[in-house]
C-alpha cells in the first residue's frame, strides 16, 4: 500500500512539473509598461503616503542610474537579448538572464551596469517586477507590465 501511495504521489508531481511552463519561456515576448508604484519599507503603520503611483518626474529621478527608465516596451527574446523600445521610437539592446529559482531577472550589457529585479508575478499576460530604491525613504518600486496582445499569439507560434 505504501508503495502505491508513493507511486501515485510521485506520478502527480512529475505530471505537474511536465505541464508547468518555465519562467524564461513565459518571459519571451513584448511587454508594455503599465504602471510604476512605490511602497515604503520603513513605515510603522499604513498611511496615505505609504503606497502611491509614480509620476513621470519622480520616475526619472528614481531611475537616473538605471537603463530601463526611458523604455516603455521591453521585448524579451529567447536568445537572451532584450530590446528596450523608447517613446521616441529608438531602441537599445541589453541581455537578460534568470537567476536563482527563476525569480531574479538580471539585465546587463549597458557599460558596467548590472541590474537585478525580483519577479513577483509572471503569468501569460502580466509581469510584476520589483527593485529597491533609497529615494526619500527606503522602499520598493513595483513595475507592472502587460504582454502585447499581438505578441502573445506570435510568441506561442514560435514555441
N, C-alpha and C. Protein backbone atom coordinates (compact mmCIF):
# COMPACT_ATOMS: atom_id res chain seq x y z
N UNK A 1 0.81 -1.19 0.00
CA UNK A 1 0.00 0.00 0.00
C UNK A 1 0.86 1.26 0.00
N UNK A 2 1.93 1.26 0.82
CA UNK A 2 2.81 2.43 0.86
C UNK A 2 3.46 2.67 -0.50
N UNK A 3 3.82 1.62 -1.17
CA UNK A 3 4.43 1.75 -2.49
C UNK A 3 3.43 2.36 -3.48
N UNK A 4 2.19 1.95 -3.41
CA UNK A 4 1.15 2.50 -4.28
C UNK A 4 0.94 4.00 -4.06
N UNK A 5 0.90 4.42 -2.79
CA UNK A 5 0.74 5.84 -2.47
C UNK A 5 1.96 6.62 -2.96
N UNK A 6 3.16 6.07 -2.75
CA UNK A 6 4.38 6.73 -3.20
C UNK A 6 4.38 6.90 -4.71
N UNK A 7 4.03 5.85 -5.44
CA UNK A 7 4.00 5.91 -6.91
C UNK A 7 2.96 6.92 -7.37
N UNK A 8 1.81 6.96 -6.72
CA UNK A 8 0.76 7.90 -7.08
C UNK A 8 1.22 9.35 -6.85
N UNK A 9 1.81 9.64 -5.70
CA UNK A 9 2.32 10.98 -5.41
C UNK A 9 3.45 11.37 -6.37
N UNK A 10 4.37 10.46 -6.60
CA UNK A 10 5.48 10.73 -7.50
C UNK A 10 4.98 11.01 -8.91
N UNK A 11 4.02 10.24 -9.36
CA UNK A 11 3.43 10.46 -10.69
C UNK A 11 2.72 11.81 -10.78
N UNK A 12 2.04 12.20 -9.71
CA UNK A 12 1.37 13.50 -9.68
C UNK A 12 2.36 14.66 -9.75
N UNK A 13 3.44 14.55 -9.02
CA UNK A 13 4.47 15.60 -9.03
C UNK A 13 5.10 15.70 -10.42
N UNK A 14 5.43 14.59 -11.01
CA UNK A 14 6.03 14.58 -12.35
C UNK A 14 5.07 15.18 -13.37
N UNK A 15 3.79 14.86 -13.29
CA UNK A 15 2.79 15.42 -14.21
C UNK A 15 2.69 16.92 -14.06
N UNK A 16 2.65 17.42 -12.84
CA UNK A 16 2.59 18.85 -12.60
C UNK A 16 3.83 19.57 -13.14
N UNK A 17 4.98 18.99 -12.92
CA UNK A 17 6.22 19.61 -13.40
C UNK A 17 6.28 19.61 -14.92
N UNK A 18 5.81 18.56 -15.55
CA UNK A 18 5.86 18.48 -17.02
C UNK A 18 4.91 19.48 -17.67
N UNK A 19 3.79 19.79 -17.01
CA UNK A 19 2.81 20.70 -17.60
C UNK A 19 3.06 22.17 -17.27
N UNK A 20 3.96 22.44 -16.35
CA UNK A 20 4.24 23.83 -15.97
C UNK A 20 5.24 24.43 -16.93
N UNK A 21 4.94 25.64 -17.40
CA UNK A 21 5.83 26.34 -18.32
C UNK A 21 6.93 27.02 -17.52
N UNK A 22 8.17 26.94 -18.00
CA UNK A 22 9.28 27.54 -17.28
C UNK A 22 9.19 29.07 -17.31
N UNK A 23 9.74 29.74 -16.29
CA UNK A 23 9.67 31.20 -16.24
C UNK A 23 10.31 31.88 -17.44
N UNK A 24 11.42 31.35 -17.94
CA UNK A 24 12.05 32.02 -19.07
C UNK A 24 11.20 31.93 -20.34
N UNK A 25 10.42 30.88 -20.50
CA UNK A 25 9.52 30.79 -21.65
C UNK A 25 8.35 31.77 -21.51
N UNK A 26 7.89 31.98 -20.26
CA UNK A 26 6.82 32.95 -20.03
C UNK A 26 7.29 34.38 -20.29
N UNK A 27 8.58 34.64 -20.09
CA UNK A 27 9.12 35.99 -20.27
C UNK A 27 9.19 36.41 -21.75
N UNK A 28 9.36 35.44 -22.64
CA UNK A 28 9.55 35.75 -24.05
C UNK A 28 8.35 36.50 -24.61
N UNK A 29 8.63 37.62 -25.28
CA UNK A 29 7.56 38.41 -25.89
C UNK A 29 7.77 39.89 -25.67
N UNK A 30 6.77 40.66 -26.06
CA UNK A 30 6.81 42.11 -25.92
C UNK A 30 5.94 42.52 -24.75
N UNK A 31 6.52 43.25 -23.80
CA UNK A 31 5.85 43.67 -22.58
C UNK A 31 5.74 45.19 -22.55
N UNK A 32 4.54 45.68 -22.37
CA UNK A 32 4.30 47.13 -22.32
C UNK A 32 4.18 47.57 -20.87
N UNK A 33 4.93 48.62 -20.54
CA UNK A 33 4.91 49.16 -19.18
C UNK A 33 3.54 49.79 -18.91
N UNK A 34 2.92 49.38 -17.81
CA UNK A 34 1.59 49.88 -17.44
C UNK A 34 1.68 50.87 -16.29
N UNK A 35 2.49 50.54 -15.27
CA UNK A 35 2.49 51.38 -14.07
C UNK A 35 3.75 51.15 -13.25
N UNK A 36 4.17 52.22 -12.57
CA UNK A 36 5.18 52.15 -11.53
C UNK A 36 4.48 52.52 -10.23
N UNK A 37 4.80 51.80 -9.16
CA UNK A 37 4.20 52.08 -7.87
C UNK A 37 5.28 51.98 -6.80
N UNK A 38 5.25 52.91 -5.85
CA UNK A 38 6.23 52.96 -4.77
C UNK A 38 5.58 52.51 -3.47
N UNK A 39 6.30 51.69 -2.70
CA UNK A 39 5.83 51.29 -1.37
C UNK A 39 6.96 51.46 -0.38
N UNK A 40 6.70 52.18 0.70
CA UNK A 40 7.70 52.38 1.75
C UNK A 40 7.94 51.09 2.51
N UNK A 41 9.19 50.89 2.92
CA UNK A 41 9.52 49.73 3.77
C UNK A 41 9.61 50.12 5.23
N UNK A 42 10.00 51.36 5.52
CA UNK A 42 10.23 51.79 6.90
C UNK A 42 9.01 52.45 7.51
N UNK A 43 7.85 51.96 7.22
CA UNK A 43 6.62 52.58 7.72
C UNK A 43 6.13 51.81 8.93
N UNK A 44 5.82 52.55 10.01
CA UNK A 44 5.37 51.89 11.23
C UNK A 44 3.90 51.49 11.14
N UNK A 45 3.10 52.30 10.46
CA UNK A 45 1.70 51.94 10.26
C UNK A 45 1.27 52.41 8.87
N UNK A 46 0.30 51.75 8.32
CA UNK A 46 -0.16 52.05 6.96
C UNK A 46 -0.75 53.45 6.93
N UNK A 47 -0.19 54.32 6.11
CA UNK A 47 -0.68 55.68 5.98
C UNK A 47 -1.01 55.99 4.53
N UNK A 48 -1.55 57.17 4.28
CA UNK A 48 -1.96 57.51 2.92
C UNK A 48 -0.80 57.64 1.94
N UNK A 49 0.43 57.88 2.43
CA UNK A 49 1.56 58.06 1.53
C UNK A 49 2.51 56.87 1.54
N UNK A 50 2.11 55.77 2.12
CA UNK A 50 2.98 54.60 2.17
C UNK A 50 2.99 53.84 0.86
N UNK A 51 2.01 54.07 0.02
CA UNK A 51 1.94 53.43 -1.28
C UNK A 51 1.29 54.41 -2.25
N UNK A 52 1.98 54.69 -3.36
CA UNK A 52 1.41 55.62 -4.32
C UNK A 52 1.95 55.35 -5.71
N UNK A 53 1.22 55.79 -6.72
CA UNK A 53 1.65 55.66 -8.11
C UNK A 53 2.73 56.71 -8.37
N UNK A 54 3.64 56.40 -9.25
CA UNK A 54 4.77 57.28 -9.53
C UNK A 54 4.53 58.04 -10.82
N UNK A 55 4.67 59.36 -10.76
CA UNK A 55 4.52 60.16 -11.98
C UNK A 55 5.83 60.15 -12.77
N UNK A 56 5.80 60.74 -13.97
CA UNK A 56 6.98 60.69 -14.85
C UNK A 56 8.20 61.39 -14.26
N UNK A 57 7.99 62.51 -13.57
CA UNK A 57 9.11 63.25 -13.00
C UNK A 57 9.81 62.43 -11.91
N UNK A 58 9.05 61.83 -11.01
CA UNK A 58 9.62 61.01 -9.96
C UNK A 58 10.27 59.76 -10.55
N UNK A 59 9.66 59.21 -11.58
CA UNK A 59 10.21 58.04 -12.25
C UNK A 59 11.60 58.35 -12.81
N UNK A 60 11.77 59.53 -13.41
CA UNK A 60 13.08 59.94 -13.94
C UNK A 60 14.10 60.05 -12.82
N UNK A 61 13.70 60.62 -11.69
CA UNK A 61 14.61 60.80 -10.56
C UNK A 61 15.03 59.46 -9.97
N UNK A 62 14.08 58.55 -9.80
CA UNK A 62 14.36 57.23 -9.23
C UNK A 62 15.33 56.45 -10.09
N UNK A 63 15.14 56.54 -11.39
CA UNK A 63 15.85 55.64 -12.29
C UNK A 63 17.01 56.31 -13.03
N UNK A 64 17.58 57.36 -12.47
CA UNK A 64 18.70 58.04 -13.12
C UNK A 64 19.84 57.09 -13.48
N UNK A 65 20.15 56.18 -12.60
CA UNK A 65 21.27 55.25 -12.82
C UNK A 65 20.85 53.97 -13.53
N UNK A 66 19.57 53.82 -13.82
CA UNK A 66 19.08 52.58 -14.43
C UNK A 66 18.94 52.73 -15.94
N UNK A 67 19.08 51.63 -16.64
CA UNK A 67 18.95 51.62 -18.09
C UNK A 67 17.48 51.71 -18.51
N UNK A 68 16.60 51.15 -17.71
CA UNK A 68 15.21 50.94 -18.12
C UNK A 68 14.34 52.18 -18.06
N UNK A 69 14.82 53.29 -17.51
CA UNK A 69 13.91 54.39 -17.20
C UNK A 69 13.30 55.08 -18.40
N UNK A 70 13.85 54.92 -19.58
CA UNK A 70 13.28 55.58 -20.76
C UNK A 70 12.53 54.61 -21.65
N UNK A 71 12.41 53.38 -21.23
CA UNK A 71 11.76 52.37 -22.06
C UNK A 71 10.29 52.23 -21.69
N UNK A 72 9.47 52.15 -22.67
CA UNK A 72 8.04 51.92 -22.47
C UNK A 72 7.69 50.46 -22.76
N UNK A 73 8.46 49.84 -23.64
CA UNK A 73 8.19 48.45 -24.03
C UNK A 73 9.48 47.65 -23.96
N UNK A 74 9.39 46.50 -23.32
CA UNK A 74 10.51 45.57 -23.25
C UNK A 74 10.20 44.41 -24.19
N UNK A 75 11.10 44.13 -25.11
CA UNK A 75 10.95 42.98 -25.99
C UNK A 75 11.99 41.95 -25.59
N UNK A 76 11.53 40.89 -24.95
CA UNK A 76 12.41 39.86 -24.43
C UNK A 76 12.46 38.72 -25.43
N UNK A 77 13.66 38.43 -25.90
CA UNK A 77 13.85 37.41 -26.95
C UNK A 77 14.46 36.13 -26.36
N UNK A 78 14.19 35.00 -27.01
CA UNK A 78 14.68 33.72 -26.49
C UNK A 78 16.20 33.57 -26.51
N UNK A 79 16.89 34.35 -27.34
CA UNK A 79 18.35 34.25 -27.44
C UNK A 79 19.08 35.02 -26.34
N UNK A 80 18.34 35.58 -25.37
CA UNK A 80 18.95 36.32 -24.28
C UNK A 80 19.05 37.81 -24.54
N UNK A 81 18.55 38.27 -25.68
CA UNK A 81 18.56 39.70 -25.98
C UNK A 81 17.30 40.36 -25.41
N UNK A 82 17.44 41.61 -25.02
CA UNK A 82 16.32 42.41 -24.53
C UNK A 82 16.38 43.74 -25.25
N UNK A 83 15.34 44.04 -26.02
CA UNK A 83 15.25 45.33 -26.70
C UNK A 83 14.37 46.24 -25.88
N UNK A 84 14.89 47.42 -25.54
CA UNK A 84 14.13 48.42 -24.81
C UNK A 84 13.66 49.45 -25.82
N UNK A 85 12.36 49.47 -26.11
CA UNK A 85 11.80 50.42 -27.08
C UNK A 85 11.38 51.67 -26.33
N UNK A 86 11.89 52.82 -26.76
CA UNK A 86 11.64 54.08 -26.08
C UNK A 86 10.52 54.85 -26.74
N UNK A 87 10.04 55.89 -26.05
CA UNK A 87 8.94 56.71 -26.54
C UNK A 87 9.25 57.35 -27.89
N UNK A 88 10.51 57.75 -28.09
CA UNK A 88 10.88 58.46 -29.31
C UNK A 88 11.08 57.53 -30.52
N UNK A 89 10.85 56.23 -30.34
CA UNK A 89 10.97 55.29 -31.45
C UNK A 89 12.31 54.58 -31.51
N UNK A 90 13.29 55.06 -30.77
CA UNK A 90 14.60 54.40 -30.75
C UNK A 90 14.55 53.19 -29.82
N UNK A 91 15.57 52.36 -29.91
CA UNK A 91 15.63 51.20 -29.03
C UNK A 91 17.07 50.94 -28.62
N UNK A 92 17.22 50.19 -27.55
CA UNK A 92 18.52 49.86 -27.01
C UNK A 92 18.53 48.36 -26.70
N UNK A 93 19.65 47.71 -26.99
CA UNK A 93 19.74 46.27 -26.74
C UNK A 93 20.57 45.97 -25.50
N UNK A 94 20.00 45.13 -24.65
CA UNK A 94 20.67 44.61 -23.47
C UNK A 94 20.61 43.09 -23.54
N UNK A 95 21.07 42.45 -22.51
CA UNK A 95 20.98 40.99 -22.39
C UNK A 95 20.34 40.66 -21.06
N UNK A 96 19.62 39.54 -21.02
CA UNK A 96 18.94 39.14 -19.80
C UNK A 96 19.26 37.69 -19.47
N UNK A 97 19.10 37.38 -18.19
CA UNK A 97 19.28 36.01 -17.71
C UNK A 97 18.47 35.88 -16.43
N UNK A 98 17.89 34.73 -16.20
CA UNK A 98 17.20 34.46 -14.94
C UNK A 98 18.19 33.83 -13.98
N UNK A 99 18.11 34.24 -12.73
CA UNK A 99 18.98 33.71 -11.69
C UNK A 99 18.13 33.11 -10.59
N UNK A 100 18.79 32.45 -9.67
CA UNK A 100 18.10 31.84 -8.54
C UNK A 100 17.17 30.74 -9.02
N UNK A 101 15.96 30.76 -8.49
CA UNK A 101 14.95 29.78 -8.87
C UNK A 101 14.07 30.32 -10.00
N UNK A 102 14.61 31.25 -10.77
CA UNK A 102 13.84 31.85 -11.85
C UNK A 102 13.06 33.06 -11.38
N UNK A 103 13.42 33.60 -10.22
CA UNK A 103 12.69 34.74 -9.68
C UNK A 103 13.49 36.04 -9.71
N UNK A 104 14.73 35.99 -10.20
CA UNK A 104 15.57 37.19 -10.30
C UNK A 104 15.92 37.41 -11.76
N UNK A 105 15.53 38.56 -12.28
CA UNK A 105 15.84 38.94 -13.65
C UNK A 105 17.08 39.82 -13.63
N UNK A 106 18.13 39.36 -14.30
CA UNK A 106 19.40 40.08 -14.34
C UNK A 106 19.54 40.71 -15.72
N UNK A 107 19.77 42.04 -15.77
CA UNK A 107 19.99 42.75 -17.02
C UNK A 107 21.42 43.26 -17.06
N UNK A 108 22.08 43.08 -18.20
CA UNK A 108 23.45 43.55 -18.33
C UNK A 108 23.72 43.91 -19.79
N UNK A 109 24.85 44.59 -20.02
CA UNK A 109 25.22 44.95 -21.38
C UNK A 109 25.19 46.44 -21.63
N UNK A 110 24.96 47.24 -20.60
CA UNK A 110 24.96 48.69 -20.73
C UNK A 110 26.15 49.22 -19.94
N UNK A 111 27.32 49.24 -20.56
CA UNK A 111 28.53 49.64 -19.84
C UNK A 111 28.84 48.65 -18.75
N UNK A 112 29.14 49.16 -17.58
CA UNK A 112 29.46 48.30 -16.43
C UNK A 112 28.25 48.01 -15.57
N UNK A 113 27.10 48.58 -15.94
CA UNK A 113 25.93 48.43 -15.05
C UNK A 113 25.35 47.03 -15.11
N UNK A 114 24.87 46.61 -13.98
CA UNK A 114 24.25 45.31 -13.81
C UNK A 114 23.02 45.55 -12.96
N UNK A 115 21.87 45.17 -13.44
CA UNK A 115 20.63 45.44 -12.71
C UNK A 115 19.93 44.13 -12.39
N UNK A 116 19.38 44.06 -11.18
CA UNK A 116 18.64 42.88 -10.73
C UNK A 116 17.24 43.30 -10.34
N UNK A 117 16.25 42.53 -10.79
CA UNK A 117 14.85 42.78 -10.48
C UNK A 117 14.24 41.50 -9.94
N UNK A 118 13.44 41.62 -8.90
CA UNK A 118 12.72 40.47 -8.34
C UNK A 118 11.43 40.28 -9.13
N UNK A 119 11.23 39.11 -9.69
CA UNK A 119 9.98 38.82 -10.38
C UNK A 119 8.97 38.37 -9.34
N UNK A 120 7.96 39.20 -9.10
CA UNK A 120 6.95 38.90 -8.10
C UNK A 120 5.77 38.15 -8.70
N UNK A 121 5.43 38.48 -9.93
CA UNK A 121 4.28 37.83 -10.57
C UNK A 121 4.61 37.69 -12.06
N UNK A 122 4.38 36.49 -12.58
CA UNK A 122 4.62 36.24 -14.00
C UNK A 122 3.56 35.26 -14.50
N UNK A 123 2.65 35.79 -15.30
CA UNK A 123 1.61 34.96 -15.90
C UNK A 123 1.72 35.12 -17.42
N UNK A 124 0.79 34.54 -18.14
CA UNK A 124 0.79 34.65 -19.60
C UNK A 124 0.71 36.09 -20.07
N UNK A 125 0.02 36.96 -19.30
CA UNK A 125 -0.19 38.33 -19.79
C UNK A 125 0.21 39.43 -18.81
N UNK A 126 0.74 39.10 -17.64
CA UNK A 126 1.12 40.11 -16.64
C UNK A 126 2.48 39.78 -16.05
N UNK A 127 3.30 40.82 -15.91
CA UNK A 127 4.59 40.67 -15.25
C UNK A 127 4.73 41.82 -14.24
N UNK A 128 5.04 41.47 -13.00
CA UNK A 128 5.31 42.47 -11.97
C UNK A 128 6.70 42.23 -11.44
N UNK A 129 7.56 43.25 -11.57
CA UNK A 129 8.92 43.14 -11.07
C UNK A 129 9.16 44.25 -10.06
N UNK A 130 10.04 43.98 -9.10
CA UNK A 130 10.34 44.93 -8.04
C UNK A 130 11.83 45.24 -8.03
N UNK A 131 12.16 46.47 -7.65
CA UNK A 131 13.54 46.79 -7.32
C UNK A 131 13.55 47.77 -6.16
N UNK A 132 14.65 47.76 -5.41
CA UNK A 132 14.76 48.59 -4.21
C UNK A 132 15.19 50.00 -4.57
N UNK A 133 14.69 50.97 -3.82
CA UNK A 133 15.03 52.37 -4.01
C UNK A 133 15.32 53.00 -2.67
N UNK A 134 16.33 53.88 -2.64
CA UNK A 134 16.64 54.62 -1.42
C UNK A 134 16.21 56.07 -1.55
N UNK A 135 15.32 56.36 -2.48
CA UNK A 135 14.85 57.71 -2.69
C UNK A 135 13.94 58.13 -1.54
N UNK A 136 14.25 59.27 -0.91
CA UNK A 136 13.48 59.86 0.19
C UNK A 136 13.42 58.90 1.38
N UNK A 137 12.84 57.76 1.24
CA UNK A 137 12.79 56.76 2.31
C UNK A 137 12.95 55.40 1.63
N UNK A 138 13.53 54.47 2.35
CA UNK A 138 13.77 53.15 1.77
C UNK A 138 12.45 52.52 1.34
N UNK A 139 12.42 52.00 0.11
CA UNK A 139 11.19 51.42 -0.37
C UNK A 139 11.40 50.53 -1.57
N UNK A 140 10.29 50.02 -2.09
CA UNK A 140 10.30 49.12 -3.24
C UNK A 140 9.53 49.79 -4.36
N UNK A 141 10.09 49.72 -5.55
CA UNK A 141 9.41 50.20 -6.75
C UNK A 141 8.83 48.97 -7.44
N UNK A 142 7.54 49.01 -7.69
CA UNK A 142 6.88 47.93 -8.43
C UNK A 142 6.65 48.40 -9.85
N UNK A 143 7.10 47.60 -10.80
CA UNK A 143 6.85 47.89 -12.22
C UNK A 143 5.91 46.81 -12.73
N UNK A 144 4.81 47.24 -13.35
CA UNK A 144 3.83 46.28 -13.84
C UNK A 144 3.75 46.40 -15.35
N UNK A 145 3.80 45.25 -16.03
CA UNK A 145 3.77 45.17 -17.48
C UNK A 145 2.62 44.28 -17.92
N UNK A 146 2.08 44.56 -19.09
CA UNK A 146 1.11 43.69 -19.74
C UNK A 146 1.72 43.23 -21.05
N UNK A 147 1.52 41.97 -21.38
CA UNK A 147 2.04 41.45 -22.64
C UNK A 147 1.22 41.99 -23.80
N UNK A 148 1.91 42.40 -24.86
CA UNK A 148 1.21 42.90 -26.05
C UNK A 148 0.30 41.83 -26.60
N UNK A 149 -0.91 42.21 -26.95
CA UNK A 149 -1.90 41.25 -27.46
C UNK A 149 -1.41 40.55 -28.71
N UNK A 150 -0.90 41.31 -29.67
CA UNK A 150 -0.45 40.69 -30.93
C UNK A 150 0.80 39.85 -30.73
N UNK A 151 1.60 40.14 -29.70
CA UNK A 151 2.82 39.40 -29.44
C UNK A 151 2.53 38.08 -28.75
N UNK A 152 1.48 38.00 -27.95
CA UNK A 152 1.16 36.77 -27.24
C UNK A 152 0.94 35.62 -28.22
N UNK A 153 0.14 35.88 -29.25
CA UNK A 153 -0.15 34.85 -30.24
C UNK A 153 1.10 34.51 -31.04
N UNK A 154 1.89 35.52 -31.44
CA UNK A 154 3.09 35.29 -32.23
C UNK A 154 4.12 34.48 -31.46
N UNK A 155 4.28 34.76 -30.16
CA UNK A 155 5.27 34.02 -29.38
C UNK A 155 4.86 32.56 -29.20
N UNK A 156 3.57 32.30 -29.11
CA UNK A 156 3.11 30.92 -28.99
C UNK A 156 3.39 30.14 -30.26
N UNK A 157 3.27 30.80 -31.42
CA UNK A 157 3.55 30.14 -32.69
C UNK A 157 5.03 29.77 -32.79
N UNK A 158 5.93 30.68 -32.32
CA UNK A 158 7.37 30.43 -32.37
C UNK A 158 7.76 29.23 -31.51
N UNK A 159 7.08 29.05 -30.40
CA UNK A 159 7.45 27.97 -29.47
C UNK A 159 6.86 26.70 -29.98
